[in-house]
Amino acid sequence: MSNDLDAIGLLCPLPVLKARKRLSALNPGDILEMRTDDPAAVIDVPHFCNEAGHTLISSAENGAVTTWTIRKGS
């Protein structure tokens, strides 16, 4: 399974729901890279990581697209 998630074009709450599903299939410590263009993601993704016990390693904006790097928690 790819640890890359393209959530471009999806609006809240779909990016976080898709990230949750993808992360559930990964092992603790695995990295997920997700791309979003939903303006609400800047609030939703960090909140999701904090609440679910995952580590938000980084976020990088490139125009309207943000790339999130998330490490799965235990």
C-alpha atoms as a PDB file:
ATOM      1  CA  MET A   1       0.000   0.000   0.000  1.00  0.00           C
ATOM      2  CA  SER A   2       1.259   3.444  -0.884  1.00  0.00           C
ATOM      3  CA  ASN A   3       1.954   5.877   1.929  1.00  0.00           C
ATOM      4  CA  ASP A   4       0.930   8.726  -0.372  1.00  0.00           C
ATOM      5  CA  LEU A   5      -2.569  10.207  -0.263  1.00  0.00           C
ATOM      6  CA  ASP A   6      -3.898  12.678  -2.824  1.00  0.00           C
ATOM      7  CA  ALA A   7      -6.833  14.471  -1.185  1.00  0.00           C
ATOM      8  CA  ILE A   8      -6.857  17.393  -3.630  1.00  0.00           C
ATOM      9  CA  GLY A   9     -10.397  18.397  -4.517  1.00  0.00           C
ATOM     10  CA  LEU A  10     -11.862  16.924  -1.316  1.00  0.00           C
ATOM     11  CA  LEU A  11     -13.528  19.191   1.210  1.00  0.00           C
ATOM     12  CA  CYS A  12     -13.812  18.895   4.986  1.00  0.00           C
ATOM     13  CA  PRO A  13     -14.101  16.362   6.530  1.00  0.00           C
ATOM     14  CA  LEU A  14     -13.032  14.036   3.694  1.00  0.00           C
ATOM     15  CA  PRO A  15      -9.249  14.689   3.783  1.00  0.00           C
ATOM     16  CA  VAL A  16      -9.091  13.779   7.483  1.00  0.00           C
ATOM     17  CA  LEU A  17     -11.405  10.783   7.058  1.00  0.00           C
ATOM     18  CA  LYS A  18      -9.259   9.453   4.216  1.00  0.00           C
ATOM     19  CA  ALA A  19      -6.082  10.069   6.260  1.00  0.00           C
ATOM     20  CA  ARG A  20      -7.589   8.170   9.208  1.00  0.00           C
ATOM     21  CA  LYS A  21      -8.449   5.209   6.972  1.00  0.00           C
ATOM     22  CA  ARG A  22      -5.021   5.145   5.319  1.00  0.00           C
ATOM     23  CA  LEU A  23      -3.175   5.495   8.635  1.00  0.00           C
ATOM     24  CA  SER A  24      -5.185   2.645  10.158  1.00  0.00           C
ATOM     25  CA  ALA A  25      -3.592   0.285   7.609  1.00  0.00           C
ATOM     26  CA  LEU A  26      -0.039   1.428   8.435  1.00  0.00           C
ATOM     27  CA  ASN A  27       2.287   0.313  11.219  1.00  0.00           C
ATOM     28  CA  PRO A  28       3.214   2.635  14.104  1.00  0.00           C
ATOM     29  CA  GLY A  29       6.056   4.900  13.008  1.00  0.00           C
ATOM     30  CA  ASP A  30       5.161   4.687   9.306  1.00  0.00           C
ATOM     31  CA  ILE A  31       4.954   7.967   7.387  1.00  0.00           C
ATOM     32  CA  LEU A  32       1.966   9.202   5.376  1.00  0.00           C
ATOM     33  CA  GLU A  33       2.317  12.059   2.890  1.00  0.00           C
ATOM     34  CA  MET A  34      -0.984  13.729   2.055  1.00  0.00           C
ATOM     35  CA  ARG A  35      -1.763  16.576  -0.338  1.00  0.00           C
ATOM     36  CA  THR A  36      -4.795  18.803   0.227  1.00  0.00           C
ATOM     37  CA  ASP A  37      -6.217  21.992  -1.220  1.00  0.00           C
ATOM     38  CA  ASP A  38      -9.081  22.421   1.258  1.00  0.00           C
ATOM     39  CA  PRO A  39      -8.546  25.696   3.187  1.00  0.00           C
ATOM     40  CA  ALA A  40     -10.001  24.060   6.323  1.00  0.00           C
ATOM     41  CA  ALA A  41      -7.201  21.472   6.315  1.00  0.00           C
ATOM     42  CA  VAL A  42      -4.845  23.933   8.023  1.00  0.00           C
ATOM     43  CA  ILE A  43      -7.041  23.547  11.111  1.00  0.00           C
ATOM     44  CA  ASP A  44      -8.364  20.018  10.590  1.00  0.00           C
ATOM     45  CA  VAL A  45      -5.145  18.085   9.928  1.00  0.00           C
ATOM     46  CA  PRO A  46      -3.128  19.325  12.948  1.00  0.00           C
ATOM     47  CA  HIS A  47      -6.189  18.825  15.185  1.00  0.00           C
ATOM     48  CA  PHE A  48      -6.712  15.297  13.848  1.00  0.00           C
ATOM     49  CA  CYS A  49      -3.053  14.393  14.435  1.00  0.00           C
ATOM     50  CA  ASN A  50      -3.143  15.763  17.965  1.00  0.00           C
ATOM     51  CA  GLU A  51      -6.390  13.999  18.868  1.00  0.00           C
ATOM     52  CA  ALA A  52      -5.457  10.668  17.247  1.00  0.00           C
ATOM     53  CA  GLY A  53      -1.915  10.516  18.642  1.00  0.00           C
ATOM     54  CA  HIS A  54      -0.100  10.932  15.337  1.00  0.00           C
ATOM     55  CA  THR A  55       2.855  13.280  14.814  1.00  0.00           C
ATOM     56  CA  LEU A  56       2.569  16.049  12.263  1.00  0.00           C
ATOM     57  CA  ILE A  57       6.172  16.145  11.055  1.00  0.00           C
ATOM     58  CA  SER A  58       5.747  18.972   8.561  1.00  0.00           C
ATOM     59  CA  SER A  59       3.452  20.880   6.277  1.00  0.00           C
ATOM     60  CA  ALA A  60       4.541  22.706   3.149  1.00  0.00           C
ATOM     61  CA  GLU A  61       2.459  25.009   0.984  1.00  0.00           C
ATOM     62  CA  ASN A  62       2.894  25.209  -2.772  1.00  0.00           C
ATOM     63  CA  GLY A  63       0.239  27.554  -4.110  1.00  0.00           C
ATOM     64  CA  ALA A  64      -3.166  26.213  -3.067  1.00  0.00           C
ATOM     65  CA  VAL A  65      -1.779  22.755  -2.266  1.00  0.00           C
ATOM     66  CA  THR A  66      -0.447  21.795   1.155  1.00  0.00           C
ATOM     67  CA  THR A  67       1.637  18.654   1.596  1.00  0.00           C
ATOM     68  CA  TRP A  68       1.385  17.094   5.049  1.00  0.00           C
ATOM     69  CA  THR A  69       3.884  14.591   6.450  1.00  0.00           C
ATOM     70  CA  ILE A  70       2.355  12.534   9.250  1.00  0.00           C
ATOM     71  CA  ARG A  71       3.978   9.809  11.376  1.00  0.00           C
ATOM     72  CA  LYS A  72       1.530   7.196  12.654  1.00  0.00           C
ATOM     73  CA  GLY A  73       1.371   6.974  16.417  1.00  0.00           C
ATOM     74  CA  SER A  74       1.249   3.782  18.427  1.00  0.00           C
END
